[in-house]
Amino acid sequence: MEEKKLSPQEEEVDLVNLFVILGRGIRNFFNAIFYFFSQVYHYLILLLIFFKKHTLKLGIALILGFIVGFILHKTEPETYVSKMLVESNFNSGVQLYKQIDYLNDLVKKKDTNSLADILNISSEVASNLKKFNVFAYQPDKSKYKAYDEYMQKTDTIYTKGFTFDDFKKRIKDSDLGFHQIEVESSLKKSFVDLTPGIIHLVENEYYKNRKKIEKGEILYKLGILNKNLVQIDSLRKLYKEVSLKEAEKPVATSTIEISQKEYKKEENDIKLFSISNDLLDQINTTNQELIRKNDVLNIISNFDQVGVPDKNITHKKYFQFAVLFFGLMLGWILLKGLNRYLENYRK
């Protein structure tokens, strides 16, 4: 059965309908955008009207909170801060974060005796500790480095389609290599005394055993590499001795044969030289790994001898109380407005 063909008039009608539908869709799209921005503008104006109406109340609350906080800030001792940068080996970052959280809990509970015993410090130093904190040092850079190492060590069958974003979701800050420990104290010169105690908290028997095993493996690998290097050097020396002896023999050979032999000897020597360089690079890398993994925690940069005053404004009492009083006043105004709305709603 033959299909019925559309006449030019019918095709023109269909095109007109299509353009009408497209026009409505575009108009609705732009209307939706206009409505969205008009609503944003409307609520922004309402917000400005609200703050204009209650500027005096909120301003008084803000100033009053600042004054109260400033008085408290002046009466309490100055807070000093110092930081230590460490590198964690054998996945000891988990233990580091756990122990820092534990020390911070003791500070919050004001358990001076426990702090003094655990960190092997005086009661005076322990009583003046205010806060412990630990976080990854340059986390984005460390994650890129960890991702690159993971991709190099893992078979491509398992890493196919495995992106950096996927890797970031799986890795924690404690899994990274470098971490910064931050301590706050009322004493200016007490930070260096904390280092041995913090290191001791992380270096438990489990990590000591892991260090012993991995250090033994590295030393074994280093021994094999050095042995191979000696053998390659001996072989190169032997090639040279054989070449010298052959050169002393009065053998009647053509110039072409001599050139071929010399070329082959040079080619073998170049190969041995290349292998020797590769072994030296591996020995250098292995020595660096041995130095790096000599401790569970490597101290990259220790605490300063003298702490610096805490410059973080969010830690200041005048800022905290100003925000608190402002929030309380704002909450009171909103509750009062809600109560008025409910009263009018019932009427």
C-alpha atoms as a PDB file:
ATOM      1  CA  MET A   1       0.000   0.000   0.000  1.00  0.00           C
ATOM      2  CA  GLU A   2       1.483   3.339  -1.012  1.00  0.00           C
ATOM      3  CA  GLU A   3       2.025   6.008   1.656  1.00  0.00           C
ATOM      4  CA  LYS A   4      -0.012   9.156   1.261  1.00  0.00           C
ATOM      5  CA  LYS A   5       2.185  12.149   0.433  1.00  0.00           C
ATOM      6  CA  LEU A   6       1.625  15.464   2.205  1.00  0.00           C
ATOM      7  CA  SER A   7       0.758  18.456   0.108  1.00  0.00           C
ATOM      8  CA  PRO A   8       2.924  21.609   0.272  1.00  0.00           C
ATOM      9  CA  GLN A   9       0.156  23.375   2.222  1.00  0.00           C
ATOM     10  CA  GLU A  10       0.086  20.609   4.867  1.00  0.00           C
ATOM     11  CA  GLU A  11       3.896  20.639   5.197  1.00  0.00           C
ATOM     12  CA  GLU A  12       3.792  24.413   5.674  1.00  0.00           C
ATOM     13  CA  VAL A  13       1.172  24.037   8.439  1.00  0.00           C
ATOM     14  CA  ASP A  14       3.350  21.451  10.246  1.00  0.00           C
ATOM     15  CA  LEU A  15       6.378  23.757  10.131  1.00  0.00           C
ATOM     16  CA  VAL A  16       4.313  26.641  11.489  1.00  0.00           C
ATOM     17  CA  ASN A  17       3.115  24.468  14.399  1.00  0.00           C
ATOM     18  CA  LEU A  18       6.693  23.379  15.096  1.00  0.00           C
ATOM     19  CA  PHE A  19       7.928  26.974  15.249  1.00  0.00           C
ATOM     20  CA  VAL A  20       4.989  27.915  17.480  1.00  0.00           C
ATOM     21  CA  ILE A  21       5.917  25.136  19.939  1.00  0.00           C
ATOM     22  CA  LEU A  22       9.601  26.140  19.890  1.00  0.00           C
ATOM     23  CA  GLY A  23       8.652  29.779  20.434  1.00  0.00           C
ATOM     24  CA  ARG A  24       6.516  28.912  23.449  1.00  0.00           C
ATOM     25  CA  GLY A  25       9.308  26.788  24.911  1.00  0.00           C
ATOM     26  CA  ILE A  26      11.886  29.565  24.538  1.00  0.00           C
ATOM     27  CA  ARG A  27       9.454  32.130  25.971  1.00  0.00           C
ATOM     28  CA  ASN A  28       8.693  29.902  28.975  1.00  0.00           C
ATOM     29  CA  PHE A  29      12.412  29.335  29.557  1.00  0.00           C
ATOM     30  CA  PHE A  30      13.214  33.050  29.652  1.00  0.00           C
ATOM     31  CA  ASN A  31      10.112  33.728  31.750  1.00  0.00           C
ATOM     32  CA  ALA A  32      11.356  31.179  34.299  1.00  0.00           C
ATOM     33  CA  ILE A  33      14.780  32.856  34.415  1.00  0.00           C
ATOM     34  CA  PHE A  34      13.182  36.283  34.806  1.00  0.00           C
ATOM     35  CA  TYR A  35      10.912  34.988  37.581  1.00  0.00           C
ATOM     36  CA  PHE A  36      13.871  33.455  39.430  1.00  0.00           C
ATOM     37  CA  PHE A  37      15.913  36.671  39.411  1.00  0.00           C
ATOM     38  CA  SER A  38      12.869  38.775  40.267  1.00  0.00           C
ATOM     39  CA  GLN A  39      12.248  36.574  43.329  1.00  0.00           C
ATOM     40  CA  VAL A  40      15.902  36.838  44.360  1.00  0.00           C
ATOM     41  CA  TYR A  41      15.697  40.613  44.006  1.00  0.00           C
ATOM     42  CA  HIS A  42      12.420  40.692  45.947  1.00  0.00           C
ATOM     43  CA  TYR A  43      13.790  38.739  48.927  1.00  0.00           C
ATOM     44  CA  LEU A  44      17.021  40.726  48.867  1.00  0.00           C
ATOM     45  CA  ILE A  45      15.018  43.941  49.191  1.00  0.00           C
ATOM     46  CA  LEU A  46      12.981  42.418  52.038  1.00  0.00           C
ATOM     47  CA  LEU A  47      16.228  41.467  53.790  1.00  0.00           C
ATOM     48  CA  LEU A  48      17.604  44.987  53.423  1.00  0.00           C
ATOM     49  CA  ILE A  49      14.333  46.452  54.723  1.00  0.00           C
ATOM     50  CA  PHE A  50      14.517  44.094  57.722  1.00  0.00           C
ATOM     51  CA  PHE A  51      18.078  45.134  58.611  1.00  0.00           C
ATOM     52  CA  LYS A  52      17.250  48.803  58.062  1.00  0.00           C
ATOM     53  CA  LYS A  53      14.300  48.509  60.443  1.00  0.00           C
ATOM     54  CA  HIS A  54      16.354  46.789  63.178  1.00  0.00           C
ATOM     55  CA  THR A  55      19.760  48.414  62.570  1.00  0.00           C
ATOM     56  CA  LEU A  56      19.795  50.117  65.978  1.00  0.00           C
ATOM     57  CA  LYS A  57      18.982  46.950  67.955  1.00  0.00           C
ATOM     58  CA  LEU A  58      21.451  44.781  66.055  1.00  0.00           C
ATOM     59  CA  GLY A  59      24.138  47.478  66.212  1.00  0.00           C
ATOM     60  CA  ILE A  60      23.754  47.875  69.999  1.00  0.00           C
ATOM     61  CA  ALA A  61      23.933  44.091  70.459  1.00  0.00           C
ATOM     62  CA  LEU A  62      27.061  43.905  68.280  1.00  0.00           C
ATOM     63  CA  ILE A  63      28.825  46.719  70.150  1.00  0.00           C
ATOM     64  CA  LEU A  64      27.798  45.380  73.562  1.00  0.00           C
ATOM     65  CA  GLY A  65      29.090  41.905  72.678  1.00  0.00           C
ATOM     66  CA  PHE A  66      32.353  43.395  71.416  1.00  0.00           C
ATOM     67  CA  ILE A  67      32.842  45.357  74.674  1.00  0.00           C
ATOM     68  CA  VAL A  68      32.137  42.326  76.894  1.00  0.00           C
ATOM     69  CA  GLY A  69      34.435  40.135  74.793  1.00  0.00           C
ATOM     70  CA  PHE A  70      37.182  42.770  74.748  1.00  0.00           C
ATOM     71  CA  ILE A  71      37.126  43.013  78.552  1.00  0.00           C
ATOM     72  CA  LEU A  72      37.379  39.217  78.841  1.00  0.00           C
ATOM     73  CA  HIS A  73      40.122  39.189  76.191  1.00  0.00           C
ATOM     74  CA  LYS A  74      42.204  41.652  78.199  1.00  0.00           C
ATOM     75  CA  THR A  75      41.754  39.782  81.482  1.00  0.00           C
ATOM     76  CA  GLU A  76      42.747  36.337  80.149  1.00  0.00           C
ATOM     77  CA  PRO A  77      46.397  35.431  79.370  1.00  0.00           C
ATOM     78  CA  GLU A  78      47.771  35.724  75.831  1.00  0.00           C
ATOM     79  CA  THR A  79      47.501  32.621  73.651  1.00  0.00           C
ATOM     80  CA  TYR A  80      50.605  31.468  71.769  1.00  0.00           C
ATOM     81  CA  VAL A  81      50.718  29.095  68.814  1.00  0.00           C
ATOM     82  CA  SER A  82      53.423  26.842  67.414  1.00  0.00           C
ATOM     83  CA  LYS A  83      53.395  24.278  64.606  1.00  0.00           C
ATOM     84  CA  MET A  84      55.333  21.114  63.831  1.00  0.00           C
ATOM     85  CA  LEU A  85      55.521  19.471  60.397  1.00  0.00           C
ATOM     86  CA  VAL A  86      55.913  15.680  60.350  1.00  0.00           C
ATOM     87  CA  GLU A  87      55.973  12.870  57.795  1.00  0.00           C
ATOM     88  CA  SER A  88      54.142   9.683  58.765  1.00  0.00           C
ATOM     89  CA  ASN A  89      55.457   6.282  57.682  1.00  0.00           C
ATOM     90  CA  PHE A  90      53.876   2.813  57.743  1.00  0.00           C
ATOM     91  CA  ASN A  91      50.335   4.315  57.629  1.00  0.00           C
ATOM     92  CA  SER A  92      50.859   5.783  61.103  1.00  0.00           C
ATOM     93  CA  GLY A  93      48.797   8.877  60.230  1.00  0.00           C
ATOM     94  CA  VAL A  94      45.690   7.179  61.658  1.00  0.00           C
ATOM     95  CA  GLN A  95      47.424   6.733  65.020  1.00  0.00           C
ATOM     96  CA  LEU A  96      48.676  10.330  64.932  1.00  0.00           C
ATOM     97  CA  TYR A  97      45.174  11.772  64.407  1.00  0.00           C
ATOM     98  CA  LYS A  98      43.732   9.486  67.081  1.00  0.00           C
ATOM     99  CA  GLN A  99      46.304  10.498  69.696  1.00  0.00           C
ATOM    100  CA  ILE A 100      45.996  14.224  68.932  1.00  0.00           C
ATOM    101  CA  ASP A 101      42.215  13.956  69.392  1.00  0.00           C
ATOM    102  CA  TYR A 102      42.842  12.166  72.697  1.00  0.00           C
ATOM    103  CA  LEU A 103      45.190  14.931  73.903  1.00  0.00           C
ATOM    104  CA  ASN A 104      42.646  17.552  72.877  1.00  0.00           C
ATOM    105  CA  ASP A 105      39.952  15.781  74.914  1.00  0.00           C
ATOM    106  CA  LEU A 106      42.235  15.834  77.970  1.00  0.00           C
ATOM    107  CA  VAL A 107      42.773  19.581  77.479  1.00  0.00           C
ATOM    108  CA  LYS A 108      39.008  20.191  77.293  1.00  0.00           C
ATOM    109  CA  LYS A 109      38.498  18.149  80.480  1.00  0.00           C
ATOM    110  CA  LYS A 110      41.377  20.054  82.147  1.00  0.00           C
ATOM    111  CA  ASP A 111      42.978  16.716  83.100  1.00  0.00           C
ATOM    112  CA  THR A 112      46.374  18.240  83.853  1.00  0.00           C
ATOM    113  CA  ASN A 113      47.810  15.191  85.614  1.00  0.00           C
ATOM    114  CA  SER A 114      47.107  12.837  82.696  1.00  0.00           C
ATOM    115  CA  LEU A 115      48.565  15.312  80.208  1.00  0.00           C
ATOM    116  CA  ALA A 116      51.698  15.717  82.307  1.00  0.00           C
ATOM    117  CA  ASP A 117      52.170  11.929  82.625  1.00  0.00           C
ATOM    118  CA  ILE A 118      51.477  11.103  78.968  1.00  0.00           C
ATOM    119  CA  LEU A 119      53.655  13.858  77.484  1.00  0.00           C
ATOM    120  CA  ASN A 120      56.286  13.702  80.256  1.00  0.00           C
ATOM    121  CA  ILE A 121      56.027  17.426  80.973  1.00  0.00           C
ATOM    122  CA  SER A 122      55.610  19.514  84.114  1.00  0.00           C
ATOM    123  CA  SER A 123      52.194  20.246  85.598  1.00  0.00           C
ATOM    124  CA  GLU A 124      52.695  23.947  84.850  1.00  0.00           C
ATOM    125  CA  VAL A 125      53.202  23.300  81.132  1.00  0.00           C
ATOM    126  CA  ALA A 126      50.262  20.864  81.046  1.00  0.00           C
ATOM    127  CA  SER A 127      47.886  23.270  82.808  1.00  0.00           C
ATOM    128  CA  ASN A 128      48.615  26.033  80.278  1.00  0.00           C
ATOM    129  CA  LEU A 129      47.879  23.917  77.199  1.00  0.00           C
ATOM    130  CA  LYS A 130      44.746  25.157  75.417  1.00  0.00           C
ATOM    131  CA  LYS A 131      44.324  23.136  72.242  1.00  0.00           C
ATOM    132  CA  PHE A 132      45.834  20.446  70.004  1.00  0.00           C
ATOM    133  CA  ASN A 133      45.071  20.219  66.308  1.00  0.00           C
ATOM    134  CA  VAL A 134      46.373  18.186  63.358  1.00  0.00           C
ATOM    135  CA  PHE A 135      45.609  18.493  59.661  1.00  0.00           C
ATOM    136  CA  ALA A 136      47.109  17.427  56.352  1.00  0.00           C
ATOM    137  CA  TYR A 137      49.876  19.688  55.053  1.00  0.00           C
ATOM    138  CA  GLN A 138      49.089  20.950  51.530  1.00  0.00           C
ATOM    139  CA  PRO A 139      46.352  18.297  51.106  1.00  0.00           C
ATOM    140  CA  ASP A 140      45.669  18.914  47.394  1.00  0.00           C
ATOM    141  CA  LYS A 141      49.332  18.584  46.450  1.00  0.00           C
ATOM    142  CA  SER A 142      49.751  15.499  48.665  1.00  0.00           C
ATOM    143  CA  LYS A 143      46.667  13.859  47.144  1.00  0.00           C
ATOM    144  CA  TYR A 144      47.938  14.421  43.602  1.00  0.00           C
ATOM    145  CA  LYS A 145      51.266  12.865  44.597  1.00  0.00           C
ATOM    146  CA  ALA A 146      49.566   9.904  46.284  1.00  0.00           C
ATOM    147  CA  TYR A 147      47.329   9.403  43.232  1.00  0.00           C
ATOM    148  CA  ASP A 148      50.342   9.426  40.909  1.00  0.00           C
ATOM    149  CA  GLU A 149      52.162   6.842  43.068  1.00  0.00           C
ATOM    150  CA  TYR A 150      49.044   4.669  43.219  1.00  0.00           C
ATOM    151  CA  MET A 151      48.622   4.722  39.427  1.00  0.00           C
ATOM    152  CA  GLN A 152      52.278   3.781  38.899  1.00  0.00           C
ATOM    153  CA  LYS A 153      52.228   0.866  41.352  1.00  0.00           C
ATOM    154  CA  THR A 154      48.810  -0.585  40.459  1.00  0.00           C
ATOM    155  CA  ASP A 155      48.064  -2.688  37.378  1.00  0.00           C
ATOM    156  CA  THR A 156      46.300  -0.770  34.599  1.00  0.00           C
ATOM    157  CA  ILE A 157      43.542  -3.414  34.574  1.00  0.00           C
ATOM    158  CA  TYR A 158      42.368  -2.143  37.975  1.00  0.00           C
ATOM    159  CA  THR A 159      43.037   1.566  37.369  1.00  0.00           C
ATOM    160  CA  LYS A 160      41.260   1.873  34.008  1.00  0.00           C
ATOM    161  CA  GLY A 161      38.719   4.682  34.296  1.00  0.00           C
ATOM    162  CA  PHE A 162      39.822   5.410  37.892  1.00  0.00           C
ATOM    163  CA  THR A 163      39.975   9.214  38.035  1.00  0.00           C
ATOM    164  CA  PHE A 164      41.527  11.567  40.561  1.00  0.00           C
ATOM    165  CA  ASP A 165      38.051  12.470  41.861  1.00  0.00           C
ATOM    166  CA  ASP A 166      37.406   8.769  42.556  1.00  0.00           C
ATOM    167  CA  PHE A 167      40.720   8.576  44.398  1.00  0.00           C
ATOM    168  CA  LYS A 168      39.905  11.650  46.531  1.00  0.00           C
ATOM    169  CA  LYS A 169      36.664  10.051  47.714  1.00  0.00           C
ATOM    170  CA  ARG A 170      38.545   6.988  48.968  1.00  0.00           C
ATOM    171  CA  ILE A 171      41.496   8.657  50.671  1.00  0.00           C
ATOM    172  CA  LYS A 172      41.454  10.420  54.058  1.00  0.00           C
ATOM    173  CA  ASP A 173      43.729  13.164  55.353  1.00  0.00           C
ATOM    174  CA  SER A 174      45.276  10.679  57.782  1.00  0.00           C
ATOM    175  CA  ASP A 175      46.328   8.510  54.807  1.00  0.00           C
ATOM    176  CA  LEU A 176      48.534  11.273  53.389  1.00  0.00           C
ATOM    177  CA  GLY A 177      52.248  11.565  54.074  1.00  0.00           C
ATOM    178  CA  PHE A 178      52.721  15.046  55.550  1.00  0.00           C
ATOM    179  CA  HIS A 179      50.820  16.506  58.517  1.00  0.00           C
ATOM    180  CA  GLN A 180      50.968  19.709  60.548  1.00  0.00           C
ATOM    181  CA  ILE A 181      50.476  19.606  64.309  1.00  0.00           C
ATOM    182  CA  GLU A 182      49.314  22.879  65.871  1.00  0.00           C
ATOM    183  CA  VAL A 183      49.388  23.539  69.616  1.00  0.00           C
ATOM    184  CA  GLU A 184      48.002  26.505  71.556  1.00  0.00           C
ATOM    185  CA  SER A 185      49.347  27.393  75.000  1.00  0.00           C
ATOM    186  CA  SER A 186      49.448  30.261  77.478  1.00  0.00           C
ATOM    187  CA  LEU A 187      53.197  29.721  77.909  1.00  0.00           C
ATOM    188  CA  LYS A 188      55.557  31.206  75.375  1.00  0.00           C
ATOM    189  CA  LYS A 189      58.427  28.706  75.627  1.00  0.00           C
ATOM    190  CA  SER A 190      56.919  25.275  76.255  1.00  0.00           C
ATOM    191  CA  PHE A 191      56.321  23.823  72.792  1.00  0.00           C
ATOM    192  CA  VAL A 192      59.607  21.992  72.135  1.00  0.00           C
ATOM    193  CA  ASP A 193      59.074  19.960  75.329  1.00  0.00           C
ATOM    194  CA  LEU A 194      55.973  18.387  73.747  1.00  0.00           C
ATOM    195  CA  THR A 195      57.782  16.778  70.793  1.00  0.00           C
ATOM    196  CA  PRO A 196      59.177  13.609  72.475  1.00  0.00           C
ATOM    197  CA  GLY A 197      55.826  12.835  74.117  1.00  0.00           C
ATOM    198  CA  ILE A 198      53.855  13.190  70.872  1.00  0.00           C
ATOM    199  CA  ILE A 199      56.341  10.990  68.974  1.00  0.00           C
ATOM    200  CA  HIS A 200      56.213   8.366  71.737  1.00  0.00           C
ATOM    201  CA  LEU A 201      52.400   8.242  71.575  1.00  0.00           C
ATOM    202  CA  VAL A 202      52.507   7.296  67.891  1.00  0.00           C
ATOM    203  CA  GLU A 203      55.460   4.886  67.992  1.00  0.00           C
ATOM    204  CA  ASN A 204      53.726   1.869  69.529  1.00  0.00           C
ATOM    205  CA  GLU A 205      54.887  -1.749  69.166  1.00  0.00           C
ATOM    206  CA  TYR A 206      52.861  -2.362  66.010  1.00  0.00           C
ATOM    207  CA  TYR A 207      54.574   0.432  64.069  1.00  0.00           C
ATOM    208  CA  LYS A 208      57.976  -0.453  65.517  1.00  0.00           C
ATOM    209  CA  ASN A 209      57.578  -4.009  64.198  1.00  0.00           C
ATOM    210  CA  ARG A 210      56.495  -2.716  60.783  1.00  0.00           C
ATOM    211  CA  LYS A 211      59.527  -0.437  60.724  1.00  0.00           C
ATOM    212  CA  LYS A 212      61.824  -3.344  61.603  1.00  0.00           C
ATOM    213  CA  ILE A 213      60.370  -5.580  58.857  1.00  0.00           C
ATOM    214  CA  GLU A 214      60.385  -2.931  56.120  1.00  0.00           C
ATOM    215  CA  LYS A 215      63.837  -1.707  57.113  1.00  0.00           C
ATOM    216  CA  GLY A 216      65.114  -5.297  56.829  1.00  0.00           C
ATOM    217  CA  GLU A 217      63.576  -5.614  53.364  1.00  0.00           C
ATOM    218  CA  ILE A 218      65.177  -2.353  52.239  1.00  0.00           C
ATOM    219  CA  LEU A 219      68.592  -3.411  53.565  1.00  0.00           C
ATOM    220  CA  TYR A 220      68.261  -6.770  51.780  1.00  0.00           C
ATOM    221  CA  LYS A 221      67.372  -5.006  48.518  1.00  0.00           C
ATOM    222  CA  LEU A 222      70.284  -2.611  49.002  1.00  0.00           C
ATOM    223  CA  GLY A 223      72.667  -5.539  49.519  1.00  0.00           C
ATOM    224  CA  ILE A 224      71.547  -7.195  46.267  1.00  0.00           C
ATOM    225  CA  LEU A 225      71.908  -3.946  44.324  1.00  0.00           C
ATOM    226  CA  ASN A 226      75.426  -3.355  45.667  1.00  0.00           C
ATOM    227  CA  LYS A 227      76.384  -6.951  44.857  1.00  0.00           C
ATOM    228  CA  ASN A 228      75.080  -6.561  41.293  1.00  0.00           C
ATOM    229  CA  LEU A 229      76.986  -3.303  40.923  1.00  0.00           C
ATOM    230  CA  VAL A 230      80.240  -4.981  41.997  1.00  0.00           C
ATOM    231  CA  GLN A 231      79.648  -7.785  39.480  1.00  0.00           C
ATOM    232  CA  ILE A 232      78.971  -5.310  36.646  1.00  0.00           C
ATOM    233  CA  ASP A 233      82.101  -3.305  37.520  1.00  0.00           C
ATOM    234  CA  SER A 234      84.155  -6.529  37.617  1.00  0.00           C
ATOM    235  CA  LEU A 235      82.782  -7.552  34.225  1.00  0.00           C
ATOM    236  CA  ARG A 236      83.652  -4.165  32.724  1.00  0.00           C
ATOM    237  CA  LYS A 237      87.151  -4.444  34.162  1.00  0.00           C
ATOM    238  CA  LEU A 238      87.495  -7.939  32.682  1.00  0.00           C
ATOM    239  CA  TYR A 239      86.414  -6.694  29.244  1.00  0.00           C
ATOM    240  CA  LYS A 240      89.084  -4.011  29.365  1.00  0.00           C
ATOM    241  CA  GLU A 241      91.803  -6.482  30.383  1.00  0.00           C
ATOM    242  CA  VAL A 242      90.830  -8.873  27.577  1.00  0.00           C
ATOM    243  CA  SER A 243      90.821  -6.013  25.094  1.00  0.00           C
ATOM    244  CA  LEU A 244      94.319  -4.926  26.143  1.00  0.00           C
ATOM    245  CA  LYS A 245      95.696  -8.466  25.859  1.00  0.00           C
ATOM    246  CA  GLU A 246      94.128  -8.952  22.425  1.00  0.00           C
ATOM    247  CA  ALA A 247      95.608  -5.671  21.294  1.00  0.00           C
ATOM    248  CA  GLU A 248      99.106  -6.862  22.294  1.00  0.00           C
ATOM    249  CA  LYS A 249      98.825 -10.063  20.182  1.00  0.00           C
ATOM    250  CA  PRO A 250     100.288  -9.735  16.660  1.00  0.00           C
ATOM    251  CA  VAL A 251      97.355 -11.241  14.748  1.00  0.00           C
ATOM    252  CA  ALA A 252      97.132 -10.856  11.004  1.00  0.00           C
ATOM    253  CA  THR A 253      93.566  -9.654  10.473  1.00  0.00           C
ATOM    254  CA  SER A 254      91.981  -7.254   8.063  1.00  0.00           C
ATOM    255  CA  THR A 255      91.024  -3.692   8.975  1.00  0.00           C
ATOM    256  CA  ILE A 256      87.319  -4.498   8.588  1.00  0.00           C
ATOM    257  CA  GLU A 257      87.505  -7.387  11.078  1.00  0.00           C
ATOM    258  CA  ILE A 258      89.364  -5.221  13.590  1.00  0.00           C
ATOM    259  CA  SER A 259      86.745  -2.462  13.260  1.00  0.00           C
ATOM    260  CA  GLN A 260      83.892  -4.924  13.791  1.00  0.00           C
ATOM    261  CA  LYS A 261      85.516  -6.338  16.937  1.00  0.00           C
ATOM    262  CA  GLU A 262      86.185  -2.870  18.334  1.00  0.00           C
ATOM    263  CA  TYR A 263      82.581  -1.804  17.637  1.00  0.00           C
ATOM    264  CA  LYS A 264      81.234  -4.900  19.411  1.00  0.00           C
ATOM    265  CA  LYS A 265      83.469  -4.285  22.441  1.00  0.00           C
ATOM    266  CA  GLU A 266      82.354  -0.657  22.658  1.00  0.00           C
ATOM    267  CA  GLU A 267      78.702  -1.686  22.338  1.00  0.00           C
ATOM    268  CA  ASN A 268      79.064  -4.202  25.203  1.00  0.00           C
ATOM    269  CA  ASP A 269      80.857  -1.631  27.343  1.00  0.00           C
ATOM    270  CA  ILE A 270      78.098   0.934  26.721  1.00  0.00           C
ATOM    271  CA  LYS A 271      75.444  -1.597  27.756  1.00  0.00           C
ATOM    272  CA  LEU A 272      77.343  -2.436  30.954  1.00  0.00           C
ATOM    273  CA  PHE A 273      77.857   1.269  31.646  1.00  0.00           C
ATOM    274  CA  SER A 274      74.098   1.869  31.251  1.00  0.00           C
ATOM    275  CA  ILE A 275      73.283  -1.024  33.604  1.00  0.00           C
ATOM    276  CA  SER A 276      75.809   0.344  36.118  1.00  0.00           C
ATOM    277  CA  ASN A 277      74.137   3.787  36.024  1.00  0.00           C
ATOM    278  CA  ASP A 278      70.688   2.242  36.510  1.00  0.00           C
ATOM    279  CA  LEU A 279      71.969   0.313  39.528  1.00  0.00           C
ATOM    280  CA  LEU A 280      73.494   3.484  40.990  1.00  0.00           C
ATOM    281  CA  ASP A 281      70.151   5.295  40.588  1.00  0.00           C
ATOM    282  CA  GLN A 282      68.330   2.415  42.303  1.00  0.00           C
ATOM    283  CA  ILE A 283      70.888   2.386  45.133  1.00  0.00           C
ATOM    284  CA  ASN A 284      70.471   6.150  45.594  1.00  0.00           C
ATOM    285  CA  THR A 285      66.647   5.850  45.656  1.00  0.00           C
ATOM    286  CA  THR A 286      66.818   2.914  48.089  1.00  0.00           C
ATOM    287  CA  ASN A 287      69.191   4.815  50.400  1.00  0.00           C
ATOM    288  CA  GLN A 288      66.769   7.754  50.452  1.00  0.00           C
ATOM    289  CA  GLU A 289      63.918   5.368  51.273  1.00  0.00           C
ATOM    290  CA  LEU A 290      66.010   3.855  54.077  1.00  0.00           C
ATOM    291  CA  ILE A 291      66.675   7.295  55.566  1.00  0.00           C
ATOM    292  CA  ARG A 292      63.010   8.304  55.234  1.00  0.00           C
ATOM    293  CA  LYS A 293      61.723   5.127  56.883  1.00  0.00           C
ATOM    294  CA  ASN A 294      64.234   5.123  59.713  1.00  0.00           C
ATOM    295  CA  ASP A 295      61.517   6.477  62.041  1.00  0.00           C
ATOM    296  CA  VAL A 296      57.763   6.048  62.350  1.00  0.00           C
ATOM    297  CA  LEU A 297      57.385   9.840  62.371  1.00  0.00           C
ATOM    298  CA  ASN A 298      59.962  12.016  60.636  1.00  0.00           C
ATOM    299  CA  ILE A 299      60.182  15.542  62.025  1.00  0.00           C
ATOM    300  CA  ILE A 300      60.452  17.833  59.018  1.00  0.00           C
ATOM    301  CA  SER A 301      60.136  21.025  61.050  1.00  0.00           C
ATOM    302  CA  ASN A 302      59.958  21.030  64.856  1.00  0.00           C
ATOM    303  CA  PHE A 303      58.018  23.393  67.118  1.00  0.00           C
ATOM    304  CA  ASP A 304      59.525  26.866  67.455  1.00  0.00           C
ATOM    305  CA  GLN A 305      61.503  27.622  70.599  1.00  0.00           C
ATOM    306  CA  VAL A 306      59.182  30.575  71.198  1.00  0.00           C
ATOM    307  CA  GLY A 307      55.522  30.523  70.187  1.00  0.00           C
ATOM    308  CA  VAL A 308      53.885  33.369  68.293  1.00  0.00           C
ATOM    309  CA  PRO A 309      50.709  35.167  69.461  1.00  0.00           C
ATOM    310  CA  ASP A 310      47.517  33.741  67.999  1.00  0.00           C
ATOM    311  CA  LYS A 311      46.432  36.121  65.213  1.00  0.00           C
ATOM    312  CA  ASN A 312      43.267  34.233  64.248  1.00  0.00           C
ATOM    313  CA  ILE A 313      40.436  36.709  64.844  1.00  0.00           C
ATOM    314  CA  THR A 314      37.840  33.941  65.195  1.00  0.00           C
ATOM    315  CA  HIS A 315      39.668  32.807  68.360  1.00  0.00           C
ATOM    316  CA  LYS A 316      39.366  36.245  69.974  1.00  0.00           C
ATOM    317  CA  LYS A 317      36.750  36.761  72.685  1.00  0.00           C
ATOM    318  CA  TYR A 318      35.624  40.130  71.315  1.00  0.00           C
ATOM    319  CA  PHE A 319      34.811  38.545  67.953  1.00  0.00           C
ATOM    320  CA  GLN A 320      33.078  35.517  69.485  1.00  0.00           C
ATOM    321  CA  PHE A 321      30.938  37.591  71.875  1.00  0.00           C
ATOM    322  CA  ALA A 322      30.063  40.140  69.173  1.00  0.00           C
ATOM    323  CA  VAL A 323      28.784  37.328  66.944  1.00  0.00           C
ATOM    324  CA  LEU A 324      27.002  35.697  69.908  1.00  0.00           C
ATOM    325  CA  PHE A 325      25.175  38.876  70.984  1.00  0.00           C
ATOM    326  CA  PHE A 326      24.299  39.691  67.364  1.00  0.00           C
ATOM    327  CA  GLY A 327      22.895  36.179  66.871  1.00  0.00           C
ATOM    328  CA  LEU A 328      20.881  36.337  70.095  1.00  0.00           C
ATOM    329  CA  MET A 329      19.370  39.701  69.155  1.00  0.00           C
ATOM    330  CA  LEU A 330      18.581  38.472  65.637  1.00  0.00           C
ATOM    331  CA  GLY A 331      16.937  35.364  67.062  1.00  0.00           C
ATOM    332  CA  TRP A 332      14.891  37.448  69.508  1.00  0.00           C
ATOM    333  CA  ILE A 333      13.670  39.752  66.685  1.00  0.00           C
ATOM    334  CA  LEU A 334      12.723  36.785  64.487  1.00  0.00           C
ATOM    335  CA  LEU A 335      10.874  35.039  67.318  1.00  0.00           C
ATOM    336  CA  LYS A 336       9.042  38.254  68.132  1.00  0.00           C
ATOM    337  CA  GLY A 337       8.037  38.630  64.476  1.00  0.00           C
ATOM    338  CA  LEU A 338       6.916  34.995  64.323  1.00  0.00           C
ATOM    339  CA  ASN A 339       4.804  35.456  67.448  1.00  0.00           C
ATOM    340  CA  ARG A 340       3.167  38.551  65.932  1.00  0.00           C
ATOM    341  CA  TYR A 341       2.438  36.637  62.713  1.00  0.00           C
ATOM    342  CA  LEU A 342       0.812  33.773  64.639  1.00  0.00           C
ATOM    343  CA  GLU A 343      -1.335  36.209  66.624  1.00  0.00           C
ATOM    344  CA  ASN A 344      -2.542  37.893  63.424  1.00  0.00           C
ATOM    345  CA  TYR A 345      -3.094  34.519  61.753  1.00  0.00           C
ATOM    346  CA  ARG A 346      -5.516  33.438  64.498  1.00  0.00           C
ATOM    347  CA  LYS A 347      -7.512  36.633  64.026  1.00  0.00           C
END
